[in-house]
Amino acid sequence: MKPEQPNNNVQPINKMKWRLRWKRLFSKKWAFPAIYLAAAALILSLVWWYSTSQEPGQKPTTGLEEVLKQEPVENINAPKEMILPVAENAQAKAKMGYYNDAGSDQSKETSLVKYENTYWPHSGVDFAREDGKSFDVVAALDGKVIRVEENPIVGHLVEIQHDNGLVTVYQSLSDVKVKEGQAVSQGDLIARAGENSFEKDAGVHLHFEVRKDGQPLNPEQYLD
């Protein structure tokens, strides 16, 4: 061998020596338990370090606690529900209901109005007091007054257009407080309950309807 040539056998021999040392180490019965214990000690040390790094009395957090503490955000754009079209202190209750074709024979019979010897299906809900006295009538929902007039059959009436495409109708009124084109808020006083010719036997009452595209709907499905 020439002096200037590197000894290529040195590196393989060193590798073989290290492999033999590792093999002898793992052949010992205590080798693997010792490795497991060392790993466990390392993990416990990390846990202890993390817990002691928190401020005194402070529990470790994951961030989920802050999410759970957050109060739900109110959706200000959510549509309102209708309220009863009578003042809270009116002491008025629903009397005659909406005529429902799918209802029982008894409910349909009690939802017919006799006018000039003809029976008409009741297209809304009537409200009245037990003592027959008048009471305040309020807007069931925010909207714009689109009609105010005195009708010879249904009496004084008010119609209010709402953003959801519905129109609420108030008939058999007296002492009307609003004008056509006026904006009203839910609960605003619009009139007092009165009488009309169409439901003469009902006495002093409010006839309330909900319409969409000119067609009457059952108000009970909208009232809160």
Protein backbone atom coordinates (compact mmCIF):
# COMPACT_ATOMS: atom_id res chain seq x y z
CA MET A 1 0.00 0.00 0.00
CA LYS A 2 1.29 3.39 -0.90
CA PRO A 3 1.52 5.99 1.91
CA GLU A 4 -0.51 8.59 0.03
CA GLN A 5 -3.54 6.24 -0.37
CA PRO A 6 -6.25 6.51 2.36
CA ASN A 7 -7.09 3.50 4.44
CA ASN A 8 -10.61 2.66 3.18
CA ASN A 9 -11.11 -0.15 5.70
CA VAL A 10 -11.02 2.07 8.80
CA GLN A 11 -14.60 3.48 8.46
CA PRO A 12 -16.34 0.10 7.98
CA ILE A 13 -14.51 -1.35 10.98
CA ASN A 14 -15.61 1.59 13.18
CA LYS A 15 -19.24 1.13 12.09
CA MET A 16 -19.09 -2.56 12.98
CA LYS A 17 -17.74 -1.74 16.43
CA TRP A 18 -20.64 0.66 17.15
CA ARG A 19 -23.20 -1.85 15.93
CA LEU A 20 -21.75 -4.51 18.24
CA ARG A 21 -21.90 -2.11 21.18
CA TRP A 22 -25.58 -1.26 20.55
CA LYS A 23 -26.41 -4.92 20.04
CA ARG A 24 -24.76 -5.83 23.34
CA LEU A 25 -26.62 -2.98 25.06
CA PHE A 26 -30.08 -4.02 23.81
CA SER A 27 -29.32 -7.67 24.66
CA LYS A 28 -29.29 -6.68 28.33
CA LYS A 29 -32.59 -7.41 30.13
CA TRP A 30 -32.62 -4.02 31.80
CA ALA A 31 -32.12 -2.03 28.55
CA PHE A 32 -35.72 -1.53 27.38
CA PRO A 33 -37.21 -0.87 30.89
CA ALA A 34 -34.51 1.72 31.42
CA ILE A 35 -35.40 3.43 28.13
CA TYR A 36 -39.11 3.48 29.05
CA LEU A 37 -38.38 4.94 32.48
CA ALA A 38 -36.20 7.63 30.96
CA ALA A 39 -38.92 8.59 28.46
CA ALA A 40 -41.56 8.69 31.21
CA ALA A 41 -39.33 10.87 33.36
CA LEU A 42 -38.86 13.27 30.45
CA ILE A 43 -42.63 13.55 29.87
CA LEU A 44 -43.33 14.14 33.57
CA SER A 45 -40.65 16.81 33.65
CA LEU A 46 -42.26 18.62 30.72
CA VAL A 47 -45.70 18.47 32.38
CA TRP A 48 -44.29 19.78 35.66
CA TRP A 49 -42.50 22.60 33.86
CA TYR A 50 -45.68 23.64 32.00
CA SER A 51 -47.81 23.62 35.14
CA THR A 52 -45.31 25.66 37.14
CA SER A 53 -45.01 28.22 34.33
CA GLN A 54 -48.68 29.23 34.92
CA GLU A 55 -49.43 32.04 37.38
CA PRO A 56 -50.22 30.94 40.96
CA GLY A 57 -53.80 29.71 41.22
CA GLN A 58 -54.24 29.73 37.45
CA LYS A 59 -55.42 26.53 35.84
CA PRO A 60 -54.09 25.46 32.45
CA THR A 61 -56.50 26.48 29.70
CA THR A 62 -57.11 25.26 26.20
CA GLY A 63 -58.92 28.36 24.94
CA LEU A 64 -62.25 26.51 24.90
CA GLU A 65 -63.24 28.12 28.19
CA GLU A 66 -63.14 31.59 26.63
CA VAL A 67 -65.34 30.46 23.75
CA LEU A 68 -67.90 29.01 26.14
CA LYS A 69 -67.95 32.21 28.18
CA GLN A 70 -68.84 34.34 25.18
CA GLU A 71 -72.46 35.43 25.22
CA PRO A 72 -74.55 34.69 22.11
CA VAL A 73 -74.74 37.65 19.75
CA GLU A 74 -78.25 38.88 19.15
CA ASN A 75 -79.24 38.98 15.52
CA ILE A 76 -80.67 42.47 15.17
CA ASN A 77 -81.86 41.63 11.65
CA ALA A 78 -83.98 38.71 12.82
CA PRO A 79 -87.68 39.26 12.03
CA LYS A 80 -89.93 40.13 14.95
CA GLU A 81 -92.84 37.97 15.95
CA MET A 82 -96.30 39.49 15.93
CA ILE A 83 -97.84 40.46 19.21
CA LEU A 84 -101.54 40.44 20.04
CA PRO A 85 -103.19 43.49 18.45
CA VAL A 86 -104.61 44.57 21.81
CA ALA A 87 -102.95 46.53 24.62
CA GLU A 88 -101.49 44.49 27.48
CA ASN A 89 -104.01 45.93 29.94
CA ALA A 90 -106.94 45.63 27.53
CA GLN A 91 -108.36 42.50 29.20
CA ALA A 92 -109.57 41.44 25.76
CA LYS A 93 -109.58 37.82 24.68
CA ALA A 94 -109.92 36.01 21.37
CA LYS A 95 -113.52 35.14 20.63
CA MET A 96 -114.43 33.96 17.13
CA GLY A 97 -111.52 32.32 15.30
CA TYR A 98 -110.39 31.86 11.71
CA TYR A 99 -112.46 29.60 9.45
CA ASN A 100 -110.22 26.66 8.60
CA ASP A 101 -111.32 24.28 5.85
CA ALA A 102 -109.23 21.54 7.46
CA GLY A 103 -110.81 22.06 10.89
CA SER A 104 -113.50 20.00 12.57
CA ASP A 105 -117.16 20.47 11.70
CA GLN A 106 -117.74 22.12 15.06
CA SER A 107 -114.88 24.62 14.64
CA LYS A 108 -116.06 25.50 11.15
CA GLU A 109 -119.63 25.97 12.36
CA THR A 110 -118.50 28.39 15.08
CA SER A 111 -116.40 30.34 12.55
CA LEU A 112 -119.28 31.40 10.31
CA VAL A 113 -120.75 34.91 10.28
CA LYS A 114 -124.40 35.40 9.35
CA TYR A 115 -124.96 38.59 7.39
CA GLU A 116 -128.12 39.37 5.38
CA ASN A 117 -129.32 35.76 5.61
CA THR A 118 -126.02 34.41 4.25
CA TYR A 119 -123.24 32.62 6.15
CA TRP A 120 -119.74 33.87 5.50
CA PRO A 121 -116.48 32.18 6.55
CA HIS A 122 -114.70 34.24 9.22
CA SER A 123 -111.42 35.51 7.73
CA GLY A 124 -109.67 36.57 10.94
CA VAL A 125 -109.81 36.55 14.73
CA ASP A 126 -112.14 38.67 16.86
CA PHE A 127 -111.07 40.13 20.22
CA ALA A 128 -113.50 41.43 22.84
CA ARG A 129 -113.86 42.03 26.56
CA GLU A 130 -116.22 40.03 28.72
CA ASP A 131 -117.93 43.22 29.90
CA GLY A 132 -118.42 44.47 26.33
CA LYS A 133 -116.39 47.66 26.89
CA SER A 134 -114.00 49.20 24.38
CA PHE A 135 -110.22 48.75 24.60
CA ASP A 136 -107.00 49.94 22.96
CA VAL A 137 -105.94 48.40 19.65
CA VAL A 138 -102.20 48.33 18.86
CA ALA A 139 -100.00 47.52 15.87
CA ALA A 140 -99.04 43.85 15.85
CA LEU A 141 -95.78 44.57 14.01
CA ASP A 142 -93.64 47.44 12.71
CA GLY A 143 -94.91 48.78 9.41
CA LYS A 144 -96.49 51.54 7.35
CA VAL A 145 -100.17 52.45 7.33
CA ILE A 146 -101.44 51.98 3.78
CA ARG A 147 -105.18 52.36 4.31
CA VAL A 148 -107.49 54.22 6.69
CA GLU A 149 -111.18 54.50 5.92
CA GLU A 150 -114.72 54.09 7.18
CA ASN A 151 -116.54 51.18 5.57
CA PRO A 152 -120.35 50.92 5.86
CA ILE A 153 -120.14 47.16 6.48
CA VAL A 154 -116.96 46.44 8.47
CA GLY A 155 -116.74 49.88 10.12
CA HIS A 156 -113.59 51.95 10.53
CA LEU A 157 -110.55 50.04 9.31
CA VAL A 158 -106.77 50.33 9.23
CA GLU A 159 -104.32 48.31 7.13
CA ILE A 160 -100.58 48.16 7.81
CA GLN A 161 -97.93 46.90 5.36
CA HIS A 162 -94.93 45.06 6.86
CA ASP A 163 -91.43 44.32 5.56
CA ASN A 164 -92.09 40.57 5.45
CA GLY A 165 -94.74 41.03 2.76
CA LEU A 166 -97.67 40.63 5.14
CA VAL A 167 -100.50 43.08 5.70
CA THR A 168 -102.34 43.27 9.02
CA VAL A 169 -105.96 44.43 8.93
CA TYR A 170 -107.84 46.01 11.83
CA GLN A 171 -111.62 46.40 11.45
CA SER A 172 -114.56 47.41 13.63
CA LEU A 173 -112.61 50.36 15.05
CA SER A 174 -113.41 53.66 16.71
CA ASP A 175 -111.31 56.74 17.51
CA VAL A 176 -108.63 55.94 14.92
CA LYS A 177 -105.24 57.48 15.86
CA VAL A 178 -103.17 56.94 12.68
CA LYS A 179 -103.13 58.32 9.15
CA GLU A 180 -102.34 56.81 5.77
CA GLY A 181 -98.60 56.85 5.05
CA GLN A 182 -97.66 56.95 8.74
CA ALA A 183 -94.92 54.64 10.04
CA VAL A 184 -95.83 52.72 13.18
CA SER A 185 -93.86 50.56 15.57
CA GLN A 186 -94.96 47.33 17.14
CA GLY A 187 -97.25 48.10 20.09
CA ASP A 188 -98.18 51.63 18.97
CA LEU A 189 -101.77 52.66 19.66
CA ILE A 190 -103.72 52.85 16.41
CA ALA A 191 -107.38 52.96 17.52
CA ARG A 192 -110.04 51.77 19.95
CA ALA A 193 -112.33 48.78 19.50
CA GLY A 194 -115.78 49.59 18.10
CA GLU A 195 -118.75 48.03 16.31
CA ASN A 196 -119.74 47.23 12.72
CA SER A 197 -122.69 45.98 10.72
CA PHE A 198 -121.08 42.79 9.44
CA GLU A 199 -120.74 41.30 12.94
CA LYS A 200 -123.48 43.20 14.69
CA ASP A 201 -124.08 40.44 17.22
CA ALA A 202 -120.43 40.60 18.34
CA GLY A 203 -120.94 44.07 19.83
CA VAL A 204 -117.79 46.05 20.64
CA HIS A 205 -114.85 44.09 19.28
CA LEU A 206 -111.73 44.13 17.10
CA HIS A 207 -111.66 42.09 13.92
CA PHE A 208 -108.03 41.26 13.08
CA GLU A 209 -106.73 39.73 9.85
CA VAL A 210 -103.37 38.80 8.31
CA ARG A 211 -103.14 38.88 4.51
CA LYS A 212 -100.52 38.08 1.91
CA ASP A 213 -101.01 38.96 -1.75
CA GLY A 214 -104.57 39.93 -0.87
CA GLN A 215 -105.45 36.50 0.53
CA PRO A 216 -106.39 36.04 4.21
CA LEU A 217 -104.19 33.75 6.31
CA ASN A 218 -104.81 32.23 9.71
CA PRO A 219 -103.58 34.90 12.18
CA GLU A 220 -103.09 32.32 14.92
CA GLN A 221 -99.95 31.00 13.21
CA TYR A 222 -98.29 34.43 13.46
CA LEU A 223 -99.41 35.78 16.82
CA ASP A 224 -96.95 35.48 19.69
